[in-house]
PDB file of N, CA and C in Angstrom:
ATOM      1  N   MET A   1      30.797 -12.075   2.691  1.00  0.00           N
ATOM      2  CA  MET A   1      30.792 -11.230   1.472  1.00  0.00           C
ATOM      3  C   MET A   1      29.660 -10.311   1.478  1.00  0.00           C
ATOM      4  N   THR A   2      29.684  -9.186   0.744  1.00  0.00           N
ATOM      5  CA  THR A   2      28.709  -8.341   0.410  1.00  0.00           C
ATOM      6  C   THR A   2      29.019  -7.618  -0.929  1.00  0.00           C
ATOM      7  N   TYR A   3      27.935  -7.034  -1.436  1.00  0.00           N
ATOM      8  CA  TYR A   3      28.210  -6.316  -2.651  1.00  0.00           C
ATOM      9  C   TYR A   3      28.207  -4.751  -2.365  1.00  0.00           C
ATOM     10  N   VAL A   4      28.897  -4.006  -3.140  1.00  0.00           N
ATOM     11  CA  VAL A   4      28.838  -2.478  -3.013  1.00  0.00           C
ATOM     12  C   VAL A   4      28.857  -1.943  -4.379  1.00  0.00           C
ATOM     13  N   VAL A   5      28.451  -0.579  -4.394  1.00  0.00           N
ATOM     14  CA  VAL A   5      28.389   0.069  -5.469  1.00  0.00           C
ATOM     15  C   VAL A   5      29.586   1.010  -5.564  1.00  0.00           C
ATOM     16  N   THR A   6      30.205   1.020  -6.838  1.00  0.00           N
ATOM     17  CA  THR A   6      31.510   1.740  -7.192  1.00  0.00           C
ATOM     18  C   THR A   6      31.181   2.918  -7.821  1.00  0.00           C
ATOM     19  N   ASP A   7      32.207   3.685  -8.197  1.00  0.00           N
ATOM     20  CA  ASP A   7      32.208   5.013  -8.945  1.00  0.00           C
ATOM     21  C   ASP A   7      31.567   5.157 -10.225  1.00  0.00           C
ATOM     22  N   ASN A   8      31.298   3.936 -10.901  1.00  0.00           N
ATOM     23  CA  ASN A   8      30.734   4.025 -12.248  1.00  0.00           C
ATOM     24  C   ASN A   8      29.309   4.376 -12.183  1.00  0.00           C
ATOM     25  N   CYS A   9      28.694   4.185 -10.993  1.00  0.00           N
ATOM     26  CA  CYS A   9      27.398   4.680 -10.778  1.00  0.00           C
ATOM     27  C   CYS A   9      27.087   6.133 -10.645  1.00  0.00           C
ATOM     28  N   ILE A  10      28.206   6.765 -10.281  1.00  0.00           N
ATOM     29  CA  ILE A  10      28.149   8.262 -10.040  1.00  0.00           C
ATOM     30  C   ILE A  10      27.885   9.010 -11.411  1.00  0.00           C
ATOM     31  N   GLY A  11      26.863   9.816 -11.361  1.00  0.00           N
ATOM     32  CA  GLY A  11      26.467  10.488 -12.753  1.00  0.00           C
ATOM     33  C   GLY A  11      25.627   9.787 -13.506  1.00  0.00           C
ATOM     34  N   CYS A  12      25.557   8.451 -13.291  1.00  0.00           N
ATOM     35  CA  CYS A  12      24.574   7.603 -14.199  1.00  0.00           C
ATOM     36  C   CYS A  12      23.320   7.234 -13.346  1.00  0.00           C
ATOM     37  N   LYS A  13      23.465   6.623 -12.272  1.00  0.00           N
ATOM     38  CA  LYS A  13      22.418   6.261 -11.220  1.00  0.00           C
ATOM     39  C   LYS A  13      21.321   5.508 -11.914  1.00  0.00           C
ATOM     40  N   TYR A  14      21.783   4.325 -12.704  1.00  0.00           N
ATOM     41  CA  TYR A  14      20.708   3.449 -13.097  1.00  0.00           C
ATOM     42  C   TYR A  14      20.142   2.793 -11.911  1.00  0.00           C
ATOM     43  N   THR A  15      18.913   2.481 -11.828  1.00  0.00           N
ATOM     44  CA  THR A  15      18.203   1.882 -10.719  1.00  0.00           C
ATOM     45  C   THR A  15      17.587   0.499 -11.007  1.00  0.00           C
ATOM     46  N   ASP A  16      18.017  -0.147 -12.033  1.00  0.00           N
ATOM     47  CA  ASP A  16      17.620  -1.462 -12.477  1.00  0.00           C
ATOM     48  C   ASP A  16      17.856  -2.551 -11.171  1.00  0.00           C
ATOM     49  N   CYS A  17      18.761  -2.178 -10.551  1.00  0.00           N
ATOM     50  CA  CYS A  17      19.290  -3.101  -9.412  1.00  0.00           C
ATOM     51  C   CYS A  17      18.210  -3.025  -8.218  1.00  0.00           C
ATOM     52  N   VAL A  18      17.625  -2.015  -7.947  1.00  0.00           N
ATOM     53  CA  VAL A  18      16.830  -1.798  -6.715  1.00  0.00           C
ATOM     54  C   VAL A  18      15.688  -2.699  -6.702  1.00  0.00           C
ATOM     55  N   GLU A  19      15.053  -2.936  -7.878  1.00  0.00           N
ATOM     56  CA  GLU A  19      13.783  -3.654  -7.880  1.00  0.00           C
ATOM     57  C   GLU A  19      13.971  -5.127  -7.789  1.00  0.00           C
ATOM     58  N   VAL A  20      15.305  -5.611  -8.022  1.00  0.00           N
ATOM     59  CA  VAL A  20      15.545  -7.216  -7.822  1.00  0.00           C
ATOM     60  C   VAL A  20      16.003  -7.432  -6.481  1.00  0.00           C
ATOM     61  N   CYS A  21      16.379  -6.343  -5.635  1.00  0.00           N
ATOM     62  CA  CYS A  21      17.021  -6.765  -4.304  1.00  0.00           C
ATOM     63  C   CYS A  21      15.835  -7.185  -3.406  1.00  0.00           C
ATOM     64  N   PRO A  22      16.254  -8.412  -2.888  1.00  0.00           N
ATOM     65  CA  PRO A  22      15.066  -9.027  -1.974  1.00  0.00           C
ATOM     66  C   PRO A  22      15.037  -8.403  -0.524  1.00  0.00           C
ATOM     67  N   VAL A  23      15.989  -7.667  -0.274  1.00  0.00           N
ATOM     68  CA  VAL A  23      16.138  -7.044   1.099  1.00  0.00           C
ATOM     69  C   VAL A  23      16.073  -5.516   1.200  1.00  0.00           C
ATOM     70  N   ASP A  24      15.937  -4.864  -0.018  1.00  0.00           N
ATOM     71  CA  ASP A  24      15.818  -3.520  -0.062  1.00  0.00           C
ATOM     72  C   ASP A  24      16.972  -2.791   0.684  1.00  0.00           C
ATOM     73  N   CYS A  25      18.246  -3.092   0.295  1.00  0.00           N
ATOM     74  CA  CYS A  25      19.407  -2.543   0.937  1.00  0.00           C
ATOM     75  C   CYS A  25      20.079  -1.448   0.152  1.00  0.00           C
ATOM     76  N   PHE A  26      19.229  -0.886  -0.944  1.00  0.00           N
ATOM     77  CA  PHE A  26      19.820   0.270  -1.678  1.00  0.00           C
ATOM     78  C   PHE A  26      19.445   1.448  -1.108  1.00  0.00           C
ATOM     79  N   TYR A  27      20.378   2.599  -0.983  1.00  0.00           N
ATOM     80  CA  TYR A  27      20.135   3.914  -0.714  1.00  0.00           C
ATOM     81  C   TYR A  27      20.451   4.721  -1.698  1.00  0.00           C
ATOM     82  N   GLU A  28      19.708   5.930  -1.852  1.00  0.00           N
ATOM     83  CA  GLU A  28      19.839   6.898  -2.809  1.00  0.00           C
ATOM     84  C   GLU A  28      20.486   8.324  -2.578  1.00  0.00           C
ATOM     85  N   GLY A  29      21.511   8.698  -3.286  1.00  0.00           N
ATOM     86  CA  GLY A  29      22.141  10.037  -3.151  1.00  0.00           C
ATOM     87  C   GLY A  29      21.639  10.770  -4.403  1.00  0.00           C
ATOM     88  N   GLU A  30      22.039  11.905  -4.311  1.00  0.00           N
ATOM     89  CA  GLU A  30      21.633  12.888  -5.567  1.00  0.00           C
ATOM     90  C   GLU A  30      21.948  12.361  -6.959  1.00  0.00           C
ATOM     91  N   ASN A  31      23.371  11.745  -6.951  1.00  0.00           N
ATOM     92  CA  ASN A  31      23.728  11.167  -8.200  1.00  0.00           C
ATOM     93  C   ASN A  31      24.409   9.836  -8.065  1.00  0.00           C
ATOM     94  N   PHE A  32      23.997   9.133  -7.091  1.00  0.00           N
ATOM     95  CA  PHE A  32      24.759   7.810  -6.887  1.00  0.00           C
ATOM     96  C   PHE A  32      23.775   6.988  -5.993  1.00  0.00           C
ATOM     97  N   LEU A  33      23.994   5.649  -6.062  1.00  0.00           N
ATOM     98  CA  LEU A  33      23.357   4.613  -5.152  1.00  0.00           C
ATOM     99  C   LEU A  33      24.423   3.949  -4.335  1.00  0.00           C
ATOM    100  N   VAL A  34      24.149   3.547  -3.249  1.00  0.00           N
ATOM    101  CA  VAL A  34      24.846   2.681  -2.360  1.00  0.00           C
ATOM    102  C   VAL A  34      24.164   1.481  -1.810  1.00  0.00           C
ATOM    103  N   ILE A  35      24.819   0.553  -1.399  1.00  0.00           N
ATOM    104  CA  ILE A  35      24.322  -0.611  -0.837  1.00  0.00           C
ATOM    105  C   ILE A  35      24.620  -0.858   0.675  1.00  0.00           C
ATOM    106  N   HIS A  36      23.840  -1.033   1.620  1.00  0.00           N
ATOM    107  CA  HIS A  36      24.304  -1.086   2.899  1.00  0.00           C
ATOM    108  C   HIS A  36      24.845  -2.316   3.104  1.00  0.00           C
ATOM    109  N   PRO A  37      26.128  -2.448   3.404  1.00  0.00           N
ATOM    110  CA  PRO A  37      26.787  -3.778   3.465  1.00  0.00           C
ATOM    111  C   PRO A  37      26.413  -4.562   4.698  1.00  0.00           C
ATOM    112  N   ASP A  38      25.815  -3.996   5.724  1.00  0.00           N
ATOM    113  CA  ASP A  38      25.256  -4.791   6.804  1.00  0.00           C
ATOM    114  C   ASP A  38      23.995  -5.385   6.563  1.00  0.00           C
ATOM    115  N   GLU A  39      23.244  -4.767   5.468  1.00  0.00           N
ATOM    116  CA  GLU A  39      21.839  -5.386   5.246  1.00  0.00           C
ATOM    117  C   GLU A  39      21.883  -6.212   3.967  1.00  0.00           C
ATOM    118  N   CYS A  40      23.048  -6.313   3.106  1.00  0.00           N
ATOM    119  CA  CYS A  40      23.060  -7.087   1.870  1.00  0.00           C
ATOM    120  C   CYS A  40      23.318  -8.538   2.338  1.00  0.00           C
ATOM    121  N   ILE A  41      22.430  -9.361   1.656  1.00  0.00           N
ATOM    122  CA  ILE A  41      22.576 -10.914   2.001  1.00  0.00           C
ATOM    123  C   ILE A  41      23.418 -11.609   1.027  1.00  0.00           C
ATOM    124  N   ASP A  42      24.130 -10.764   0.293  1.00  0.00           N
ATOM    125  CA  ASP A  42      25.078 -11.501  -0.654  1.00  0.00           C
ATOM    126  C   ASP A  42      24.481 -12.442  -1.744  1.00  0.00           C
ATOM    127  N   CYS A  43      23.310 -12.113  -2.129  1.00  0.00           N
ATOM    128  CA  CYS A  43      22.632 -12.942  -3.086  1.00  0.00           C
ATOM    129  C   CYS A  43      23.230 -12.656  -4.555  1.00  0.00           C
ATOM    130  N   GLY A  44      23.698 -11.587  -4.829  1.00  0.00           N
ATOM    131  CA  GLY A  44      24.156 -11.187  -6.085  1.00  0.00           C
ATOM    132  C   GLY A  44      23.283 -10.961  -7.278  1.00  0.00           C
ATOM    133  N   VAL A  45      21.938 -10.939  -6.868  1.00  0.00           N
ATOM    134  CA  VAL A  45      21.063 -10.714  -8.139  1.00  0.00           C
ATOM    135  C   VAL A  45      21.145  -9.225  -8.771  1.00  0.00           C
ATOM    136  N   CYS A  46      21.666  -8.295  -7.788  1.00  0.00           N
ATOM    137  CA  CYS A  46      21.748  -6.920  -8.455  1.00  0.00           C
ATOM    138  C   CYS A  46      22.786  -6.697  -9.355  1.00  0.00           C
ATOM    139  N   GLU A  47      23.956  -7.433  -9.193  1.00  0.00           N
ATOM    140  CA  GLU A  47      25.132  -7.254  -9.934  1.00  0.00           C
ATOM    141  C   GLU A  47      24.953  -7.352 -11.456  1.00  0.00           C
ATOM    142  N   PRO A  48      24.305  -8.401 -12.124  1.00  0.00           N
ATOM    143  CA  PRO A  48      24.021  -8.414 -13.439  1.00  0.00           C
ATOM    144  C   PRO A  48      23.061  -7.369 -14.108  1.00  0.00           C
ATOM    145  N   GLU A  49      22.216  -6.858 -13.172  1.00  0.00           N
ATOM    146  CA  GLU A  49      21.216  -5.882 -13.578  1.00  0.00           C
ATOM    147  C   GLU A  49      21.836  -4.545 -13.856  1.00  0.00           C
ATOM    148  N   CYS A  50      22.990  -4.192 -13.338  1.00  0.00           N
ATOM    149  CA  CYS A  50      23.527  -2.867 -13.483  1.00  0.00           C
ATOM    150  C   CYS A  50      24.228  -2.587 -14.858  1.00  0.00           C
ATOM    151  N   PRO A  51      23.504  -1.730 -15.589  1.00  0.00           N
ATOM    152  CA  PRO A  51      23.968  -1.445 -17.041  1.00  0.00           C
ATOM    153  C   PRO A  51      25.423  -0.866 -16.995  1.00  0.00           C
ATOM    154  N   ALA A  52      25.897  -0.284 -15.842  1.00  0.00           N
ATOM    155  CA  ALA A  52      27.165   0.448 -15.776  1.00  0.00           C
ATOM    156  C   ALA A  52      28.139  -0.450 -15.092  1.00  0.00           C
ATOM    157  N   ASP A  53      27.846  -1.701 -14.868  1.00  0.00           N
ATOM    158  CA  ASP A  53      28.804  -2.530 -14.134  1.00  0.00           C
ATOM    159  C   ASP A  53      29.520  -1.896 -13.014  1.00  0.00           C
ATOM    160  N   ALA A  54      28.636  -1.177 -12.125  1.00  0.00           N
ATOM    161  CA  ALA A  54      29.046  -0.509 -11.002  1.00  0.00           C
ATOM    162  C   ALA A  54      29.075  -1.278  -9.687  1.00  0.00           C
ATOM    163  N   ILE A  55      28.430  -2.503  -9.717  1.00  0.00           N
ATOM    164  CA  ILE A  55      28.248  -3.290  -8.506  1.00  0.00           C
ATOM    165  C   ILE A  55      29.284  -4.376  -8.629  1.00  0.00           C
ATOM    166  N   VAL A  56      30.137  -4.489  -7.384  1.00  0.00           N
ATOM    167  CA  VAL A  56      31.131  -5.510  -7.286  1.00  0.00           C
ATOM    168  C   VAL A  56      31.054  -6.212  -5.889  1.00  0.00           C
ATOM    169  N   ALA A  57      31.576  -7.347  -5.833  1.00  0.00           N
ATOM    170  CA  ALA A  57      31.709  -7.942  -4.576  1.00  0.00           C
ATOM    171  C   ALA A  57      32.753  -7.520  -3.665  1.00  0.00           C
ATOM    172  N   ASP A  58      32.590  -7.495  -2.452  1.00  0.00           N
ATOM    173  CA  ASP A  58      33.711  -6.928  -1.572  1.00  0.00           C
ATOM    174  C   ASP A  58      35.062  -7.685  -1.655  1.00  0.00           C
ATOM    175  N   THR A  59      34.925  -8.885  -2.307  1.00  0.00           N
ATOM    176  CA  THR A  59      36.197  -9.581  -2.344  1.00  0.00           C
ATOM    177  C   THR A  59      37.146  -9.264  -3.475  1.00  0.00           C
ATOM    178  N   GLU A  60      36.558  -8.341  -4.284  1.00  0.00           N
ATOM    179  CA  GLU A  60      37.507  -7.786  -5.392  1.00  0.00           C
ATOM    180  C   GLU A  60      38.494  -6.730  -4.820  1.00  0.00           C
ATOM    181  N   GLY A  61      39.668  -6.924  -5.408  1.00  0.00           N
ATOM    182  CA  GLY A  61      40.723  -5.954  -4.943  1.00  0.00           C
ATOM    183  C   GLY A  61      40.340  -4.469  -5.078  1.00  0.00           C
ATOM    184  N   GLY A  62      40.635  -3.680  -4.154  1.00  0.00           N
ATOM    185  CA  GLY A  62      40.322  -2.293  -3.921  1.00  0.00           C
ATOM    186  C   GLY A  62      38.977  -2.026  -3.502  1.00  0.00           C
ATOM    187  N   SER A  63      38.227  -2.866  -2.989  1.00  0.00           N
ATOM    188  CA  SER A  63      36.889  -2.680  -2.636  1.00  0.00           C
ATOM    189  C   SER A  63      36.720  -2.256  -1.220  1.00  0.00           C
ATOM    190  N   GLU A  64      37.766  -2.307  -0.457  1.00  0.00           N
ATOM    191  CA  GLU A  64      37.640  -2.041   0.974  1.00  0.00           C
ATOM    192  C   GLU A  64      37.050  -0.478   1.125  1.00  0.00           C
ATOM    193  N   ALA A  65      37.514   0.493   0.359  1.00  0.00           N
ATOM    194  CA  ALA A  65      37.051   1.883   0.557  1.00  0.00           C
ATOM    195  C   ALA A  65      35.695   2.018   0.169  1.00  0.00           C
ATOM    196  N   TRP A  66      35.283   1.193  -0.870  1.00  0.00           N
ATOM    197  CA  TRP A  66      33.981   1.235  -1.284  1.00  0.00           C
ATOM    198  C   TRP A  66      32.930   0.760  -0.317  1.00  0.00           C
ATOM    199  N   VAL A  67      33.358  -0.267   0.491  1.00  0.00           N
ATOM    200  CA  VAL A  67      32.570  -0.823   1.515  1.00  0.00           C
ATOM    201  C   VAL A  67      32.244   0.245   2.484  1.00  0.00           C
ATOM    202  N   GLU A  68      33.248   0.889   2.916  1.00  0.00           N
ATOM    203  CA  GLU A  68      33.216   2.065   3.864  1.00  0.00           C
ATOM    204  C   GLU A  68      32.230   3.178   3.346  1.00  0.00           C
ATOM    205  N   LEU A  69      32.441   3.761   2.186  1.00  0.00           N
ATOM    206  CA  LEU A  69      31.660   4.775   1.551  1.00  0.00           C
ATOM    207  C   LEU A  69      30.244   4.241   1.351  1.00  0.00           C
ATOM    208  N   ASN A  70      30.013   3.056   1.034  1.00  0.00           N
ATOM    209  CA  ASN A  70      28.548   2.502   0.944  1.00  0.00           C
ATOM    210  C   ASN A  70      28.009   2.595   2.392  1.00  0.00           C
ATOM    211  N   ARG A  71      28.692   2.087   3.238  1.00  0.00           N
ATOM    212  CA  ARG A  71      28.085   2.080   4.760  1.00  0.00           C
ATOM    213  C   ARG A  71      27.871   3.377   5.202  1.00  0.00           C
ATOM    214  N   LYS A  72      28.790   4.446   5.044  1.00  0.00           N
ATOM    215  CA  LYS A  72      28.514   5.772   5.459  1.00  0.00           C
ATOM    216  C   LYS A  72      27.310   6.385   4.909  1.00  0.00           C
ATOM    217  N   TYR A  73      27.090   6.365   3.585  1.00  0.00           N
ATOM    218  CA  TYR A  73      26.043   7.062   2.944  1.00  0.00           C
ATOM    219  C   TYR A  73      24.728   6.111   3.141  1.00  0.00           C
ATOM    220  N   ALA A  74      24.897   4.796   3.178  1.00  0.00           N
ATOM    221  CA  ALA A  74      23.631   4.179   3.477  1.00  0.00           C
ATOM    222  C   ALA A  74      22.935   4.537   4.742  1.00  0.00           C
ATOM    223  N   ASN A  75      23.778   4.999   5.725  1.00  0.00           N
ATOM    224  CA  ASN A  75      23.216   5.390   6.983  1.00  0.00           C
ATOM    225  C   ASN A  75      22.642   6.848   7.011  1.00  0.00           C
ATOM    226  N   LEU A  76      23.047   7.724   5.939  1.00  0.00           N
ATOM    227  CA  LEU A  76      22.516   8.988   5.664  1.00  0.00           C
ATOM    228  C   LEU A  76      21.492   9.252   4.694  1.00  0.00           C
ATOM    229  N   TRP A  77      21.446   8.441   3.677  1.00  0.00           N
ATOM    230  CA  TRP A  77      20.486   8.591   2.577  1.00  0.00           C
ATOM    231  C   TRP A  77      19.254   7.752   2.719  1.00  0.00           C
ATOM    232  N   PRO A  78      18.251   8.135   1.924  1.00  0.00           N
ATOM    233  CA  PRO A  78      16.891   7.432   1.999  1.00  0.00           C
ATOM    234  C   PRO A  78      16.958   6.131   1.318  1.00  0.00           C
ATOM    235  N   ASN A  79      16.234   5.237   1.687  1.00  0.00           N
ATOM    236  CA  ASN A  79      16.174   3.910   1.053  1.00  0.00           C
ATOM    237  C   ASN A  79      15.378   4.026  -0.243  1.00  0.00           C
ATOM    238  N   ILE A  80      15.766   3.264  -1.262  1.00  0.00           N
ATOM    239  CA  ILE A  80      15.094   3.282  -2.609  1.00  0.00           C
ATOM    240  C   ILE A  80      14.778   1.925  -2.941  1.00  0.00           C
ATOM    241  N   ILE A  81      13.592   1.635  -3.308  1.00  0.00           N
ATOM    242  CA  ILE A  81      13.030   0.352  -3.694  1.00  0.00           C
ATOM    243  C   ILE A  81      12.437   0.271  -5.057  1.00  0.00           C
ATOM    244  N   THR A  82      12.235   1.341  -5.683  1.00  0.00           N
ATOM    245  CA  THR A  82      11.467   1.424  -7.083  1.00  0.00           C
ATOM    246  C   THR A  82      12.517   1.961  -7.986  1.00  0.00           C
ATOM    247  N   GLN A  83      12.341   1.436  -9.293  1.00  0.00           N
ATOM    248  CA  GLN A  83      13.260   1.858 -10.287  1.00  0.00           C
ATOM    249  C   GLN A  83      12.843   3.210 -10.843  1.00  0.00           C
ATOM    250  N   LYS A  84      13.831   4.045 -11.218  1.00  0.00           N
ATOM    251  CA  LYS A  84      13.519   5.402 -11.742  1.00  0.00           C
ATOM    252  C   LYS A  84      14.417   5.540 -12.948  1.00  0.00           C
ATOM    253  N   ASP A  85      14.134   6.604 -13.705  1.00  0.00           N
ATOM    254  CA  ASP A  85      14.969   6.885 -14.884  1.00  0.00           C
ATOM    255  C   ASP A  85      16.333   7.253 -14.419  1.00  0.00           C
ATOM    256  N   PRO A  86      17.339   6.910 -15.291  1.00  0.00           N
ATOM    257  CA  PRO A  86      18.689   7.161 -14.993  1.00  0.00           C
ATOM    258  C   PRO A  86      18.887   8.713 -15.122  1.00  0.00           C
ATOM    259  N   LEU A  87      19.953   9.285 -14.729  1.00  0.00           N
ATOM    260  CA  LEU A  87      20.215  10.617 -14.739  1.00  0.00           C
ATOM    261  C   LEU A  87      20.349  10.887 -16.296  1.00  0.00           C
ATOM    262  N   PRO A  88      20.093  12.213 -16.730  1.00  0.00           N
ATOM    263  CA  PRO A  88      20.012  12.536 -18.057  1.00  0.00           C
ATOM    264  C   PRO A  88      21.489  12.299 -18.659  1.00  0.00           C
ATOM    265  N   GLU A  89      22.605  12.540 -17.804  1.00  0.00           N
ATOM    266  CA  GLU A  89      23.959  12.459 -18.379  1.00  0.00           C
ATOM    267  C   GLU A  89      24.414  10.898 -18.262  1.00  0.00           C
ATOM    268  N   ALA A  90      23.674  10.020 -17.926  1.00  0.00           N
ATOM    269  CA  ALA A  90      24.099   8.514 -17.821  1.00  0.00           C
ATOM    270  C   ALA A  90      24.873   8.003 -18.886  1.00  0.00           C
ATOM    271  N   GLU A  91      24.388   8.101 -20.111  1.00  0.00           N
ATOM    272  CA  GLU A  91      25.057   7.484 -21.275  1.00  0.00           C
ATOM    273  C   GLU A  91      26.562   8.192 -21.386  1.00  0.00           C
ATOM    274  N   GLU A  92      26.483   9.440 -21.333  1.00  0.00           N
ATOM    275  CA  GLU A  92      27.787  10.295 -21.364  1.00  0.00           C
ATOM    276  C   GLU A  92      28.752   9.989 -20.290  1.00  0.00           C
ATOM    277  N   ARG A  93      28.430   9.726 -19.013  1.00  0.00           N
ATOM    278  CA  ARG A  93      29.249   9.538 -17.838  1.00  0.00           C
ATOM    279  C   ARG A  93      29.642   7.975 -17.801  1.00  0.00           C
ATOM    280  N   ASP A  94      28.870   7.029 -18.284  1.00  0.00           N
ATOM    281  CA  ASP A  94      29.130   5.764 -18.153  1.00  0.00           C
ATOM    282  C   ASP A  94      30.507   5.403 -18.667  1.00  0.00           C
ATOM    283  N   GLY A  95      31.290   4.776 -17.695  1.00  0.00           N
ATOM    284  CA  GLY A  95      32.693   4.320 -17.912  1.00  0.00           C
ATOM    285  C   GLY A  95      33.814   5.357 -17.880  1.00  0.00           C
ATOM    286  N   GLU A  96      33.329   6.622 -17.573  1.00  0.00           N
ATOM    287  CA  GLU A  96      34.347   7.769 -17.316  1.00  0.00           C
ATOM    288  C   GLU A  96      35.222   7.470 -16.124  1.00  0.00           C
ATOM    289  N   GLU A  97      36.428   7.748 -16.183  1.00  0.00           N
ATOM    290  CA  GLU A  97      37.341   7.757 -15.103  1.00  0.00           C
ATOM    291  C   GLU A  97      37.192   8.900 -14.049  1.00  0.00           C
ATOM    292  N   GLY A  98      37.569   8.627 -12.901  1.00  0.00           N
ATOM    293  CA  GLY A  98      37.612   9.739 -11.809  1.00  0.00           C
ATOM    294  C   GLY A  98      36.337  10.372 -11.457  1.00  0.00           C
ATOM    295  N   LYS A  99      35.255   9.625 -11.473  1.00  0.00           N
ATOM    296  CA  LYS A  99      34.157  10.296 -11.196  1.00  0.00           C
ATOM    297  C   LYS A  99      33.845  10.593  -9.790  1.00  0.00           C
ATOM    298  N   LEU A 100      34.487   9.882  -8.882  1.00  0.00           N
ATOM    299  CA  LEU A 100      34.337  10.277  -7.433  1.00  0.00           C
ATOM    300  C   LEU A 100      34.877  11.562  -7.128  1.00  0.00           C
ATOM    301  N   GLU A 101      35.987  11.877  -7.724  1.00  0.00           N
ATOM    302  CA  GLU A 101      36.628  13.149  -7.480  1.00  0.00           C
ATOM    303  C   GLU A 101      35.923  14.404  -8.230  1.00  0.00           C
ATOM    304  N   LYS A 102      35.390  13.900  -9.382  1.00  0.00           N
ATOM    305  CA  LYS A 102      34.794  14.963 -10.232  1.00  0.00           C
ATOM    306  C   LYS A 102      33.359  15.336  -9.871  1.00  0.00           C
ATOM    307  N   TYR A 103      32.453  14.332  -9.738  1.00  0.00           N
ATOM    308  CA  TYR A 103      31.083  14.495  -9.607  1.00  0.00           C
ATOM    309  C   TYR A 103      30.332  14.064  -8.313  1.00  0.00           C
ATOM    310  N   PHE A 104      30.883  13.370  -7.415  1.00  0.00           N
ATOM    311  CA  PHE A 104      30.293  12.736  -6.335  1.00  0.00           C
ATOM    312  C   PHE A 104      29.580  13.903  -5.448  1.00  0.00           C
ATOM    313  N   SER A 105      28.298  13.706  -5.257  1.00  0.00           N
ATOM    314  CA  SER A 105      27.574  14.542  -4.351  1.00  0.00           C
ATOM    315  C   SER A 105      27.229  13.881  -3.129  1.00  0.00           C
ATOM    316  N   GLU A 106      27.438  14.467  -1.972  1.00  0.00           N
ATOM    317  CA  GLU A 106      26.945  13.961  -0.571  1.00  0.00           C
ATOM    318  C   GLU A 106      25.531  14.137  -0.333  1.00  0.00           C
ATOM    319  N   ALA A 107      24.745  14.921  -1.141  1.00  0.00           N
ATOM    320  CA  ALA A 107      23.458  15.246  -1.073  1.00  0.00           C
ATOM    321  C   ALA A 107      22.566  14.019  -1.124  1.00  0.00           C
ATOM    322  N   PRO A 108      21.495  13.805  -0.360  1.00  0.00           N
ATOM    323  CA  PRO A 108      20.662  12.662  -0.544  1.00  0.00           C
ATOM    324  C   PRO A 108      19.763  12.795  -1.703  1.00  0.00           C
ATOM    325  N   GLY A 109      19.169  11.542  -2.097  1.00  0.00           N
ATOM    326  CA  GLY A 109      18.338  11.628  -3.236  1.00  0.00           C
ATOM    327  C   GLY A 109      16.947  11.666  -2.480  1.00  0.00           C
ATOM    328  N   GLU A 110      15.940  11.457  -3.334  1.00  0.00           N
ATOM    329  CA  GLU A 110      14.463  11.353  -2.802  1.00  0.00           C
ATOM    330  C   GLU A 110      14.062  10.170  -2.211  1.00  0.00           C
ATOM    331  N   GLY A 111      14.714   9.064  -2.514  1.00  0.00           N
ATOM    332  CA  GLY A 111      14.305   7.711  -2.143  1.00  0.00           C
ATOM    333  C   GLY A 111      12.979   7.334  -2.708  1.00  0.00           C
ATOM    334  N   GLY A 112      12.491   6.330  -2.196  1.00  0.00           N
ATOM    335  CA  GLY A 112      11.259   5.767  -2.772  1.00  0.00           C
ATOM    336  C   GLY A 112      11.187   4.474  -3.425  1.00  0.00           C
TER     337      GLY A 112
END
């Protein structure tokens, strides 16, 4: 089992999860975080830290595509280990449907 970040992170990018991760397996895009599924040790400490409930176990239904998306961008984006402010539109975007199609950016974040 591993954990992955899903579409509710898009446009929010809360980073509360990165500081509790014992193996630093989060990677930062311009408006989204991902977990490297091959680095995640399945401890689950990040899941309750996410204010947007965007982190799920790969055993949840429909998570297969998220595992692959997380893997792809974890190999392209910089590692992030420190908490940053959420995106300005985070509260407005939290819980919005269809964020992958509407807002997802392939651009890397700054990392750090």
